Protein backbone atom coordinates (compact mmCIF):
# COMPACT_ATOMS: atom_id res chain seq x y z
CA UNK A 1 -13.64 114.26 54.00
CA UNK A 2 -14.19 113.31 57.50
CA UNK A 3 -12.08 114.06 60.46
CA UNK A 4 -12.43 110.59 62.02
CA UNK A 5 -10.31 108.99 59.06
CA UNK A 6 -7.73 111.47 59.74
CA UNK A 7 -8.43 113.68 56.89
CA UNK A 8 -9.95 117.28 57.94
CA UNK A 9 -12.63 119.09 56.98
CA UNK A 10 -10.59 122.41 56.42
CA UNK A 11 -13.70 124.23 55.65
CA UNK A 12 -14.32 125.64 59.76
CA UNK A 13 -11.30 125.86 60.94
CA UNK A 14 -9.51 129.21 59.12
CA UNK A 15 -6.01 128.18 60.96
CA UNK A 16 -6.30 124.80 59.38
CA UNK A 17 -7.30 126.44 55.55
CA UNK A 18 -4.82 128.21 55.43
CA UNK A 19 -1.79 125.49 56.57
CA UNK A 20 -3.75 122.94 53.94
CA UNK A 21 -4.01 125.77 51.82
CA UNK A 22 0.06 126.11 51.84
CA UNK A 23 1.12 122.74 51.26
CA UNK A 24 -0.91 121.90 48.40
CA UNK A 25 0.71 124.65 46.70
CA UNK A 26 4.00 124.12 48.04
CA UNK A 27 4.34 120.30 47.38
CA UNK A 28 3.28 118.47 44.83
CA UNK A 29 3.63 115.47 46.52
CA UNK A 30 0.79 112.78 46.29
CA UNK A 31 0.10 112.24 50.01
CA UNK A 32 -3.53 112.93 50.83
CA UNK A 33 -2.92 115.61 53.91
CA UNK A 34 -4.36 114.98 57.34
CA UNK A 35 -3.34 115.90 60.57
CA UNK A 36 -1.11 112.92 60.95
CA UNK A 37 0.82 113.34 58.19
CA UNK A 38 4.43 114.28 58.26
CA UNK A 39 6.31 117.80 57.62
CA UNK A 40 9.49 116.35 56.45
CA UNK A 41 9.17 112.36 57.02
CA UNK A 42 5.79 112.35 54.54
CA UNK A 43 5.99 115.76 51.85
CA UNK A 44 10.23 115.40 51.62
CA UNK A 45 9.55 119.30 52.99
CA UNK A 46 13.44 120.34 53.14
CA UNK A 47 14.88 122.91 55.84
CA UNK A 48 14.83 125.39 53.51
CA UNK A 49 11.07 124.91 51.96
CA UNK A 50 9.71 124.95 56.23
CA UNK A 51 11.75 128.24 56.25
CA UNK A 52 9.11 129.26 53.56
CA UNK A 53 6.22 127.99 54.16
CA UNK A 54 6.35 129.19 57.34
CA UNK A 55 6.48 132.52 56.45
CA UNK A 56 3.64 132.28 54.30
CA UNK A 57 1.81 131.53 57.49
CA UNK A 58 3.04 133.97 59.36
CA UNK A 59 2.04 136.29 56.53
CA UNK A 60 -1.31 134.92 56.33
CA UNK A 61 -2.12 134.57 59.29
CA UNK A 62 -0.16 138.29 60.81
CA UNK A 63 1.72 135.25 63.77
CA UNK A 64 4.94 135.12 64.55
CA UNK A 65 5.58 131.48 64.58
CA UNK A 66 9.22 131.73 66.80
CA UNK A 67 11.97 129.05 65.59
CA UNK A 68 11.67 126.80 69.11
CA UNK A 69 7.62 126.25 68.48
CA UNK A 70 8.78 125.32 65.23
CA UNK A 71 11.51 122.41 66.06
CA UNK A 72 8.47 121.52 68.28
CA UNK A 73 6.30 120.71 65.27
CA UNK A 74 5.93 116.53 63.60
CA UNK A 75 2.81 116.02 61.57
CA UNK A 76 0.23 118.84 60.70
CA UNK A 77 -2.17 118.77 63.38
CA UNK A 78 1.09 119.65 65.38
CA UNK A 79 1.45 122.89 62.72
CA UNK A 80 -2.36 123.44 63.32
CA UNK A 81 -1.94 123.03 67.20
CA UNK A 82 0.44 125.68 67.71
CA UNK A 83 -0.99 127.89 65.26
CA UNK A 84 -4.10 127.79 66.53
CA UNK A 85 -2.87 128.17 70.79
CA UNK A 86 0.23 131.36 69.09
CA UNK A 87 -3.42 133.03 67.42
CA UNK A 88 -4.52 132.91 70.36
CA UNK A 89 -2.05 134.90 72.08
CA UNK A 90 -2.08 137.89 69.60
């Protein structure tokens, strides 16, 4: 898997690793996960599933994700960037 084709290697980025691990567990989708994967449209996560997903991320990364930041996220790449930003502010 190469970053060039949109499928990110999650072995070098702990934030990405957490996001991809949780998404692989939370979804039964056959969609290949990449930075461009749209969380709602392609993975079919509803609002409850998204909140569960975010709570799991918060627990695993030991951060708090404000709701207004979640509202700005559309793709997995957006989410990873947001989490990196929040993690860096700790």
